[in-house]
Every structure is written in structure tokens, then in C-alpha cells.
């Protein structure tokens, strides 16, 4: 299922949503350049969310009064934001940006530009924090805006449960346009995560995104987005 658009009329231009899409594309093109120069692994391991490094730095800073550890803590806290804009494969960024394009513009319309940006970043950071708490010893970098996109989907479904989504069903070489209820995309969002390994970038030494940790982070993102929009009513 490929979502194309919804039937919710937006009165304001999705300025922030368009900028987010543009930034994600620009960063991914940068990643491709780094891969060609064999420096992508170092970059992602430096700026992705690595729970083990963050947990160790926090322990050293708070419990052992290690002043140098505070620099690492600050650096790694920033990675919670920057990591939202990194992606590990072509399928991951295409899937995320497609959902951002269809559902994000409507959520921005109801939240307003500034609050929508805060919502997007906060959801991505919250997802990262949850992933660290779930597996604090994990040494695999966690990257991608999956948690933020899940929060947008959760907010959208909570606000517009009966919305209709214009969808294309690709059947081999035949593309059939249909209209589906929005709530079906909660299920489809998690199904498509299984295909995010397609077109993976070469990120040594151990790749990115351990599936179990990423899954639970997205669950938190989905429910946090729904809870936020519910409280806003």
C-alpha cells in the first residue's frame, strides 16, 4: 500500500513539514557521499544514538564525577536530535518521507508551525530515550525518524479516525488506485518496517538499528503522539 494523500483540507501551507522532508533528503545524500568515501561508518557511529555509550557517559558523569564524561553526555544528547535525520537505507527514508508527506502536513495544520516542529523533535527524542532505557548496553547505532513519524501517525489517527487515504496498491506491474480508512495504516506502518533493510547503506562495523529495540521505540512514539493530540483537545 502506497499512501498518496488524504481527504482532510489544510488551510495553511505545511512549511515545517516541507523543510523536514528537505533536510532528511539532504542529510541522506550526504550519507551517500560519505559511503562513497568510506567514512559513513565513522560518521554514523559518532552521531547515531548508541545506548551503551550514553549510559556509560551518564554513569561516569553523575556517579564518578568525571568532568570529561559531561562533554560526552552533551555530545550524545545532541545525537538524540541529529540521529532523527539519519537513515540506514533507501527503503527506510522513502517509507518515512512518504508517511511524513501524507500525514505530517495535516498534523502541522492543526498544531501550527512552531508546535509541530516541537512535537516532531520531542517525539524523536522520546523514542531515543526509550530505546536507551530498553537496552542500555546496546552498541549498535540507532538512527532514523521512525519514532517521530509514528507519533505523527498516532496523532493523525486520534484526530481523524474516519479519514480516507488515497492509496495505490501495486500488484506486480498493475497499479490500482483505491481509498482506504486511515486506521489501516497503523498496521501497515509496522509491517513495512520489515522491508527497511532493502537498499541498505554500508555502515561498518556492525550496521544500525536492532529491530526489537526500534520496534518498541516506535510503539512509544505512536502512543505518545495519540496521547498528545488527545490532551490538546
Protein backbone atom coordinates (compact mmCIF):
# COMPACT_ATOMS: atom_id res chain seq x y z
CA UNK A 1 0.00 0.00 0.00
CA UNK A 2 1.37 3.39 -1.01
CA UNK A 3 -0.41 6.37 0.59
CA UNK A 4 -0.73 9.37 -1.73
CA UNK A 5 -2.96 11.92 0.01
CA UNK A 6 -5.87 12.28 2.42
CA UNK A 7 -9.30 13.91 2.27
CA UNK A 8 -8.61 16.44 5.05
CA UNK A 9 -8.47 20.02 3.80
CA UNK A 10 -5.45 22.00 5.03
CA UNK A 11 -5.76 25.78 5.29
CA UNK A 12 -2.09 26.52 5.94
CA UNK A 13 0.96 25.61 3.91
CA UNK A 14 2.97 22.80 5.54
CA UNK A 15 6.15 24.89 5.73
CA UNK A 16 7.82 22.93 8.53
CA UNK A 17 6.81 19.59 7.06
CA UNK A 18 8.35 20.52 3.72
CA UNK A 19 11.53 21.68 5.44
CA UNK A 20 11.75 18.43 7.39
CA UNK A 21 11.42 16.45 4.18
CA UNK A 22 14.09 18.58 2.53
CA UNK A 23 16.51 18.24 5.46
CA UNK A 24 16.06 14.47 5.56
CA UNK A 25 16.79 14.20 1.84
CA UNK A 26 19.84 16.47 2.10
CA UNK A 27 21.30 14.52 5.02
CA UNK A 28 20.72 11.21 3.22
CA UNK A 29 22.51 12.49 0.12
CA UNK A 30 25.35 13.48 2.43
CA UNK A 31 25.37 9.95 3.83
CA UNK A 32 25.70 8.56 0.30
CA UNK A 33 28.69 10.81 -0.29
CA UNK A 34 30.25 9.59 2.95
CA UNK A 35 29.64 5.99 1.94
CA UNK A 36 31.47 6.56 -1.33
CA UNK A 37 34.44 7.92 0.62
CA UNK A 38 34.34 5.04 3.15
CA UNK A 39 33.69 7.37 6.10
CA UNK A 40 29.99 6.69 6.66
CA UNK A 41 30.61 4.12 9.40
CA UNK A 42 32.66 6.57 11.45
CA UNK A 43 30.08 9.33 10.95
CA UNK A 44 27.06 7.24 11.96
CA UNK A 45 28.86 5.74 14.95
CA UNK A 46 29.77 9.27 16.03
CA UNK A 47 26.34 10.86 15.60
CA UNK A 48 23.86 7.99 15.88
CA UNK A 49 22.24 7.07 19.19
CA UNK A 50 24.38 4.38 20.82
CA UNK A 51 22.74 3.39 24.15
CA UNK A 52 25.88 1.82 25.65
CA UNK A 53 27.96 4.97 25.15
CA UNK A 54 25.25 7.25 26.52
CA UNK A 55 24.61 5.03 29.55
CA UNK A 56 28.33 4.78 30.32
CA UNK A 57 28.85 8.53 29.95
CA UNK A 58 25.90 9.34 32.23
CA UNK A 59 27.16 6.87 34.86
CA UNK A 60 30.66 8.36 34.80
CA UNK A 61 29.35 11.92 34.91
CA UNK A 62 26.82 11.52 37.73
CA UNK A 63 28.27 8.78 39.92
CA UNK A 64 32.02 9.17 39.44
CA UNK A 65 32.11 12.95 38.99
CA UNK A 66 34.09 12.59 35.77
CA UNK A 67 34.20 16.06 34.20
CA UNK A 68 35.29 14.72 30.79
CA UNK A 69 32.22 12.48 30.74
CA UNK A 70 29.99 15.57 30.76
CA UNK A 71 31.33 16.53 27.33
CA UNK A 72 30.37 13.10 26.02
CA UNK A 73 26.93 13.39 27.65
CA UNK A 74 26.30 16.72 25.93
CA UNK A 75 27.57 15.34 22.61
CA UNK A 76 25.42 12.23 22.89
CA UNK A 77 22.33 14.20 23.95
CA UNK A 78 22.72 16.18 20.73
CA UNK A 79 22.85 12.86 18.86
CA UNK A 80 19.28 12.22 20.05
CA UNK A 81 18.27 15.11 17.79
CA UNK A 82 20.69 14.62 14.90
CA UNK A 83 20.03 10.87 14.78
CA UNK A 84 16.41 11.58 13.83
CA UNK A 85 17.62 12.82 10.44
CA UNK A 86 19.96 9.91 9.69
CA UNK A 87 18.72 6.85 7.79
CA UNK A 88 20.28 3.48 7.11
CA UNK A 89 18.69 2.51 3.80
CA UNK A 90 16.84 3.81 0.77
CA UNK A 91 13.70 1.93 1.81
CA UNK A 92 13.78 3.44 5.30
CA UNK A 93 13.98 7.04 4.14
CA UNK A 94 11.45 6.54 1.33
CA UNK A 95 8.96 4.93 3.71
CA UNK A 96 9.42 7.60 6.38
CA UNK A 97 9.18 10.53 3.99
CA UNK A 98 6.10 9.11 2.27
CA UNK A 99 4.26 8.88 5.59
CA UNK A 100 5.60 12.31 6.59
CA UNK A 101 4.31 13.83 3.34
CA UNK A 102 0.80 12.35 3.62
CA UNK A 103 0.14 12.60 7.36
CA UNK A 104 2.56 15.31 8.53
CA UNK A 105 1.01 18.19 6.62
CA UNK A 106 -2.37 17.62 8.25
CA UNK A 107 -0.90 17.36 11.75
CA UNK A 108 1.05 20.58 11.15
CA UNK A 109 -2.17 22.24 10.03
CA UNK A 110 -3.89 21.51 13.35
CA UNK A 111 -0.86 22.15 15.60
CA UNK A 112 0.64 25.17 13.90
CA UNK A 113 4.20 25.51 12.59
CA UNK A 114 6.16 26.03 15.81
CA UNK A 115 4.29 23.44 17.87
CA UNK A 116 4.51 20.90 15.06
CA UNK A 117 8.30 21.25 14.93
CA UNK A 118 8.49 20.88 18.72
CA UNK A 119 6.20 17.84 18.51
CA UNK A 120 8.33 16.19 15.82
CA UNK A 121 11.62 16.70 17.64
CA UNK A 122 10.20 15.79 21.06
CA UNK A 123 8.75 12.54 19.69
CA UNK A 124 12.07 11.62 18.10
CA UNK A 125 13.99 12.39 21.31
CA UNK A 126 11.49 10.48 23.46
CA UNK A 127 11.86 7.46 21.19
CA UNK A 128 15.63 7.60 21.55
CA UNK A 129 15.41 7.84 25.35
CA UNK A 130 13.05 4.85 25.48
CA UNK A 131 15.39 2.82 23.30
CA UNK A 132 18.28 3.62 25.66
CA UNK A 133 16.23 2.55 28.68
CA UNK A 134 15.14 -0.69 26.99
CA UNK A 135 18.66 -1.77 26.02
CA UNK A 136 21.27 0.41 27.80
CA UNK A 137 24.12 -1.92 26.83
CA UNK A 138 23.38 -1.89 23.09
CA UNK A 139 26.41 -0.93 20.97
CA UNK A 140 24.55 -0.74 17.65
CA UNK A 141 23.74 2.82 16.48
CA UNK A 142 20.04 3.67 16.33
CA UNK A 143 19.09 6.14 13.60
CA UNK A 144 16.06 7.34 11.67
CA UNK A 145 12.93 9.39 12.19
CA UNK A 146 10.74 6.31 12.68
CA UNK A 147 9.66 7.32 16.19
CA UNK A 148 8.73 10.85 15.11
CA UNK A 149 6.78 9.53 12.10
CA UNK A 150 4.98 7.01 14.33
CA UNK A 151 3.98 9.87 16.65
CA UNK A 152 2.60 11.82 13.69
CA UNK A 153 0.61 8.76 12.61
CA UNK A 154 -0.71 8.29 16.16
CA UNK A 155 -1.79 11.95 16.36
CA UNK A 156 -3.43 11.77 12.94
CA UNK A 157 -5.42 8.63 13.69
CA UNK A 158 -6.56 10.02 17.05
CA UNK A 159 -7.73 13.28 15.46
CA UNK A 160 -9.13 11.87 12.21
CA UNK A 161 -10.06 8.20 12.81
CA UNK A 162 -12.51 8.20 9.88
CA UNK A 163 -10.26 9.95 7.36
CA UNK A 164 -9.87 8.35 3.97
CA UNK A 165 -6.43 7.91 2.43
CA UNK A 166 -5.96 7.83 -1.34
CA UNK A 167 -3.79 4.77 -1.86
CA UNK A 168 -2.10 2.90 -4.67
CA UNK A 169 -1.96 -0.89 -4.49
CA UNK A 170 0.94 -2.16 -6.61
CA UNK A 171 0.15 -5.65 -7.86
CA UNK A 172 3.21 -6.84 -9.79
CA UNK A 173 3.06 -4.39 -12.72
CA UNK A 174 -0.55 -3.24 -12.26
CA UNK A 175 -1.19 -0.22 -10.02
CA UNK A 176 -4.72 0.05 -8.65
CA UNK A 177 -5.84 3.35 -7.04
CA UNK A 178 -8.14 2.81 -4.06
CA UNK A 179 -9.33 4.66 -0.96
CA UNK A 180 -8.61 3.15 2.48
CA UNK A 181 -9.51 4.17 6.05
CA UNK A 182 -6.63 5.84 7.88
CA UNK A 183 -6.51 3.38 10.78
CA UNK A 184 -5.30 0.60 8.45
CA UNK A 185 -2.04 2.46 8.19
CA UNK A 186 -1.23 1.79 11.84
CA UNK A 187 -0.91 -1.87 10.89
CA UNK A 188 0.83 -1.14 7.61
CA UNK A 189 3.35 1.20 9.27
CA UNK A 190 4.74 -1.65 11.36
CA UNK A 191 4.58 -4.18 8.50
CA UNK A 192 6.69 -2.02 6.23
CA UNK A 193 9.46 -1.89 8.85
CA UNK A 194 10.26 -5.47 7.80
CA UNK A 195 11.40 -4.15 4.41
CA UNK A 196 13.64 -1.36 5.68
CA UNK A 197 16.74 -3.46 5.05
CA UNK A 198 16.24 -3.10 1.29
CA UNK A 199 18.82 -0.80 -0.22
CA UNK A 200 20.87 -0.61 2.98
CA UNK A 201 23.89 1.64 3.11
CA UNK A 202 27.21 0.07 4.08
CA UNK A 203 27.67 1.17 7.71
CA UNK A 204 30.54 -0.74 9.33
CA UNK A 205 31.37 -2.35 11.61
CA UNK A 206 28.02 -3.77 12.80
CA UNK A 207 25.29 -1.88 10.93
CA UNK A 208 22.43 0.02 12.54
CA UNK A 209 19.01 -0.36 14.17
CA UNK A 210 18.45 -3.53 16.16
CA UNK A 211 14.88 -4.42 15.20
CA UNK A 212 13.46 -5.25 18.64
CA UNK A 213 14.62 -2.01 20.24
CA UNK A 214 13.44 0.05 17.26
CA UNK A 215 10.01 -1.62 17.35
CA UNK A 216 9.32 -0.72 20.99
CA UNK A 217 10.56 2.81 20.43
CA UNK A 218 8.01 3.21 17.64
CA UNK A 219 5.23 1.83 19.83
CA UNK A 220 6.04 4.57 22.34
CA UNK A 221 6.10 7.14 19.53
CA UNK A 222 2.70 6.03 18.24
CA UNK A 223 1.01 6.22 21.65
CA UNK A 224 2.76 9.43 22.69
CA UNK A 225 1.51 11.14 19.53
CA UNK A 226 -2.03 9.92 20.15
CA UNK A 227 -1.85 10.98 23.83
CA UNK A 228 -0.54 14.45 22.95
CA UNK A 229 -3.27 15.21 20.45
CA UNK A 230 -5.86 13.82 22.87
CA UNK A 231 -4.72 16.16 25.65
CA UNK A 232 -4.71 19.09 23.25
CA UNK A 233 -8.46 18.86 22.66
